[in-house]
Amino acid sequence: MNFRTYILYSKQIEKYYIGSTSMDISERLRRHNTNHRGYTGQVNDWEIVYFKEFKNKRESQSLGRRIKKRGAKRYLRES
């Protein structure tokens, strides 16, 4: 099973969202863009601006924490 860390961006609210999943990335994006409660449920224009695959959950979550500490915008600019 592969795990993915990803960064989404919404033009409508000009915000980033960092997440990780073992789900297919396109299916995960579809779920973020459907009506639901939670942070990404505010809008439905999320797009994937970055993702990376890992063989295990620990590595995926570790990258997610590093991105959150640095900030998604800064991480993308420096990568």
N, C-alpha and C. Protein backbone atom coordinates (compact mmCIF):
# COMPACT_ATOMS: atom_id res chain seq x y z
N MET A 1 0.84 -1.18 0.00
CA MET A 1 0.00 0.00 0.00
C MET A 1 0.89 1.24 0.00
N ASN A 2 0.56 2.20 -0.84
CA ASN A 2 1.28 3.46 -0.90
C ASN A 2 0.53 4.54 -0.14
N PHE A 3 1.29 5.46 0.40
CA PHE A 3 0.73 6.61 1.11
C PHE A 3 1.17 7.88 0.41
N ARG A 4 0.34 8.88 0.46
CA ARG A 4 0.64 10.14 -0.23
C ARG A 4 0.47 11.31 0.73
N THR A 5 1.40 12.24 0.64
CA THR A 5 1.27 13.53 1.31
C THR A 5 0.98 14.52 0.20
N TYR A 6 0.03 15.41 0.44
CA TYR A 6 -0.38 16.32 -0.63
C TYR A 6 -0.68 17.71 -0.09
N ILE A 7 -0.60 18.66 -1.01
CA ILE A 7 -0.96 20.04 -0.69
C ILE A 7 -2.04 20.46 -1.68
N LEU A 8 -3.13 20.97 -1.14
CA LEU A 8 -4.22 21.50 -1.97
C LEU A 8 -4.22 23.02 -1.86
N TYR A 9 -4.75 23.67 -2.89
CA TYR A 9 -4.88 25.12 -2.86
C TYR A 9 -6.27 25.51 -3.37
N SER A 10 -6.88 26.48 -2.69
CA SER A 10 -8.17 27.03 -3.11
C SER A 10 -7.96 28.48 -3.51
N LYS A 11 -8.26 28.81 -4.75
CA LYS A 11 -8.18 30.21 -5.21
C LYS A 11 -9.27 31.05 -4.55
N GLN A 12 -10.41 30.45 -4.32
CA GLN A 12 -11.56 31.17 -3.77
C GLN A 12 -11.25 31.76 -2.39
N ILE A 13 -10.62 30.99 -1.51
CA ILE A 13 -10.29 31.50 -0.17
C ILE A 13 -8.80 31.77 0.00
N GLU A 14 -8.02 31.52 -1.05
CA GLU A 14 -6.57 31.75 -1.06
C GLU A 14 -5.88 31.08 0.12
N LYS A 15 -6.18 29.78 0.30
CA LYS A 15 -5.63 29.00 1.40
C LYS A 15 -5.09 27.67 0.90
N TYR A 16 -4.14 27.12 1.67
CA TYR A 16 -3.57 25.81 1.41
C TYR A 16 -4.09 24.81 2.44
N TYR A 17 -4.08 23.54 2.05
CA TYR A 17 -4.44 22.46 2.96
C TYR A 17 -3.43 21.35 2.76
N ILE A 18 -2.87 20.84 3.85
CA ILE A 18 -1.90 19.74 3.80
C ILE A 18 -2.56 18.50 4.35
N GLY A 19 -2.43 17.39 3.64
CA GLY A 19 -3.03 16.14 4.09
C GLY A 19 -2.22 14.94 3.68
N SER A 20 -2.61 13.78 4.18
CA SER A 20 -1.98 12.53 3.76
C SER A 20 -3.08 11.47 3.66
N THR A 21 -2.85 10.50 2.77
CA THR A 21 -3.86 9.48 2.52
C THR A 21 -3.24 8.23 1.93
N SER A 22 -3.93 7.12 2.05
CA SER A 22 -3.55 5.89 1.35
C SER A 22 -4.50 5.70 0.15
N MET A 23 -5.47 6.56 0.05
CA MET A 23 -6.47 6.53 -1.01
C MET A 23 -5.86 7.03 -2.34
N ASP A 24 -6.47 6.66 -3.44
CA ASP A 24 -6.08 7.23 -4.73
C ASP A 24 -6.21 8.75 -4.65
N ILE A 25 -5.20 9.46 -5.13
CA ILE A 25 -5.15 10.92 -4.96
C ILE A 25 -6.32 11.64 -5.65
N SER A 26 -6.74 11.15 -6.80
CA SER A 26 -7.86 11.81 -7.49
C SER A 26 -9.18 11.59 -6.74
N GLU A 27 -9.34 10.41 -6.14
CA GLU A 27 -10.54 10.15 -5.33
C GLU A 27 -10.52 11.00 -4.07
N ARG A 28 -9.36 11.18 -3.48
CA ARG A 28 -9.27 12.02 -2.27
C ARG A 28 -9.62 13.47 -2.60
N LEU A 29 -9.13 13.96 -3.74
CA LEU A 29 -9.45 15.32 -4.17
C LEU A 29 -10.96 15.46 -4.40
N ARG A 30 -11.55 14.47 -5.04
CA ARG A 30 -13.00 14.51 -5.27
C ARG A 30 -13.75 14.64 -3.96
N ARG A 31 -13.32 13.91 -2.95
CA ARG A 31 -14.00 13.98 -1.64
C ARG A 31 -13.82 15.35 -0.98
N HIS A 32 -12.64 15.95 -1.15
CA HIS A 32 -12.42 17.29 -0.61
C HIS A 32 -13.35 18.30 -1.29
N ASN A 33 -13.64 18.08 -2.55
CA ASN A 33 -14.44 19.04 -3.32
C ASN A 33 -15.94 18.76 -3.28
N THR A 34 -16.38 17.80 -2.50
CA THR A 34 -17.81 17.57 -2.34
C THR A 34 -18.26 18.21 -1.04
N ASN A 35 -19.55 18.46 -0.93
CA ASN A 35 -20.08 19.10 0.27
C ASN A 35 -19.90 18.20 1.49
N HIS A 36 -19.20 18.72 2.47
CA HIS A 36 -19.01 18.03 3.74
C HIS A 36 -18.60 19.05 4.79
N ARG A 37 -18.59 18.63 6.02
CA ARG A 37 -18.14 19.50 7.10
C ARG A 37 -16.62 19.47 7.17
N GLY A 38 -16.06 20.46 7.82
CA GLY A 38 -14.62 20.49 8.00
C GLY A 38 -13.99 21.61 7.19
N TYR A 39 -12.70 21.75 7.35
CA TYR A 39 -11.97 22.85 6.74
C TYR A 39 -12.14 22.90 5.22
N THR A 40 -11.95 21.79 4.54
CA THR A 40 -12.04 21.82 3.08
C THR A 40 -13.47 21.86 2.57
N GLY A 41 -14.44 21.70 3.45
CA GLY A 41 -15.84 21.76 3.05
C GLY A 41 -16.33 23.17 2.80
N GLN A 42 -15.52 24.17 3.13
CA GLN A 42 -15.90 25.58 2.94
C GLN A 42 -16.14 25.91 1.47
N VAL A 43 -15.31 25.35 0.60
CA VAL A 43 -15.36 25.64 -0.83
C VAL A 43 -15.18 24.34 -1.61
N ASN A 44 -15.39 24.40 -2.91
CA ASN A 44 -15.21 23.18 -3.72
C ASN A 44 -14.33 23.42 -4.94
N ASP A 45 -13.33 24.29 -4.77
CA ASP A 45 -12.41 24.54 -5.88
C ASP A 45 -10.97 24.10 -5.57
N TRP A 46 -10.80 23.15 -4.64
CA TRP A 46 -9.47 22.69 -4.28
C TRP A 46 -8.78 22.03 -5.47
N GLU A 47 -7.50 22.31 -5.60
CA GLU A 47 -6.71 21.66 -6.64
C GLU A 47 -5.40 21.17 -6.02
N ILE A 48 -4.88 20.09 -6.55
CA ILE A 48 -3.62 19.54 -6.06
C ILE A 48 -2.48 20.36 -6.63
N VAL A 49 -1.64 20.91 -5.76
CA VAL A 49 -0.49 21.67 -6.23
C VAL A 49 0.81 20.91 -5.96
N TYR A 50 0.74 19.85 -5.14
CA TYR A 50 1.92 19.05 -4.83
C TYR A 50 1.48 17.73 -4.22
N PHE A 51 2.17 16.65 -4.58
CA PHE A 51 2.00 15.41 -3.82
C PHE A 51 3.22 14.53 -4.01
N LYS A 52 3.46 13.71 -3.01
CA LYS A 52 4.60 12.79 -3.02
C LYS A 52 4.16 11.47 -2.44
N GLU A 53 4.62 10.37 -3.05
CA GLU A 53 4.24 9.03 -2.59
C GLU A 53 5.33 8.43 -1.72
N PHE A 54 4.88 7.61 -0.77
CA PHE A 54 5.77 6.92 0.15
C PHE A 54 5.33 5.47 0.28
N LYS A 55 6.25 4.63 0.73
CA LYS A 55 5.95 3.22 0.94
C LYS A 55 5.28 2.97 2.29
N ASN A 56 5.47 3.91 3.24
CA ASN A 56 4.85 3.70 4.55
C ASN A 56 4.24 4.98 5.10
N LYS A 57 3.32 4.78 6.00
CA LYS A 57 2.54 5.87 6.58
C LYS A 57 3.41 6.84 7.39
N ARG A 58 4.38 6.31 8.10
CA ARG A 58 5.23 7.13 8.96
C ARG A 58 5.97 8.20 8.16
N GLU A 59 6.55 7.82 7.03
CA GLU A 59 7.27 8.79 6.19
C GLU A 59 6.33 9.85 5.63
N SER A 60 5.15 9.42 5.21
CA SER A 60 4.17 10.34 4.67
C SER A 60 3.74 11.37 5.71
N GLN A 61 3.44 10.91 6.90
CA GLN A 61 3.01 11.82 7.97
C GLN A 61 4.15 12.72 8.43
N SER A 62 5.37 12.21 8.39
CA SER A 62 6.52 13.02 8.77
C SER A 62 6.69 14.21 7.82
N LEU A 63 6.55 13.97 6.52
CA LEU A 63 6.63 15.07 5.56
C LEU A 63 5.49 16.06 5.80
N GLY A 64 4.30 15.57 6.07
CA GLY A 64 3.16 16.45 6.34
C GLY A 64 3.43 17.37 7.52
N ARG A 65 4.03 16.84 8.58
CA ARG A 65 4.36 17.67 9.74
C ARG A 65 5.42 18.71 9.39
N ARG A 66 6.43 18.32 8.61
CA ARG A 66 7.47 19.28 8.21
C ARG A 66 6.88 20.41 7.36
N ILE A 67 5.98 20.08 6.46
CA ILE A 67 5.34 21.10 5.62
C ILE A 67 4.52 22.04 6.49
N LYS A 68 3.77 21.50 7.43
CA LYS A 68 2.92 22.33 8.29
C LYS A 68 3.76 23.27 9.15
N LYS A 69 4.91 22.80 9.64
CA LYS A 69 5.79 23.67 10.43
C LYS A 69 6.36 24.81 9.59
N ARG A 70 6.76 24.50 8.37
CA ARG A 70 7.35 25.50 7.49
C ARG A 70 6.30 26.39 6.85
N GLY A 71 5.13 25.85 6.60
CA GLY A 71 4.08 26.55 5.86
C GLY A 71 4.09 26.07 4.42
N ALA A 72 2.93 25.80 3.87
CA ALA A 72 2.83 25.22 2.52
C ALA A 72 3.40 26.16 1.47
N LYS A 73 3.09 27.43 1.56
CA LYS A 73 3.56 28.39 0.56
C LYS A 73 5.09 28.44 0.53
N ARG A 74 5.68 28.51 1.69
CA ARG A 74 7.15 28.56 1.79
C ARG A 74 7.76 27.24 1.34
N TYR A 75 7.17 26.11 1.73
CA TYR A 75 7.67 24.80 1.32
C TYR A 75 7.67 24.69 -0.20
N LEU A 76 6.60 25.09 -0.84
CA LEU A 76 6.51 25.02 -2.30
C LEU A 76 7.53 25.93 -2.97
N ARG A 77 7.74 27.08 -2.41
CA ARG A 77 8.68 28.04 -2.98
C ARG A 77 10.12 27.52 -2.87
N GLU A 78 10.45 26.85 -1.77
CA GLU A 78 11.80 26.38 -1.53
C GLU A 78 12.08 25.00 -2.10
N SER A 79 11.06 24.31 -2.55
CA SER A 79 11.25 22.94 -3.08
C SER A 79 11.64 22.97 -4.54
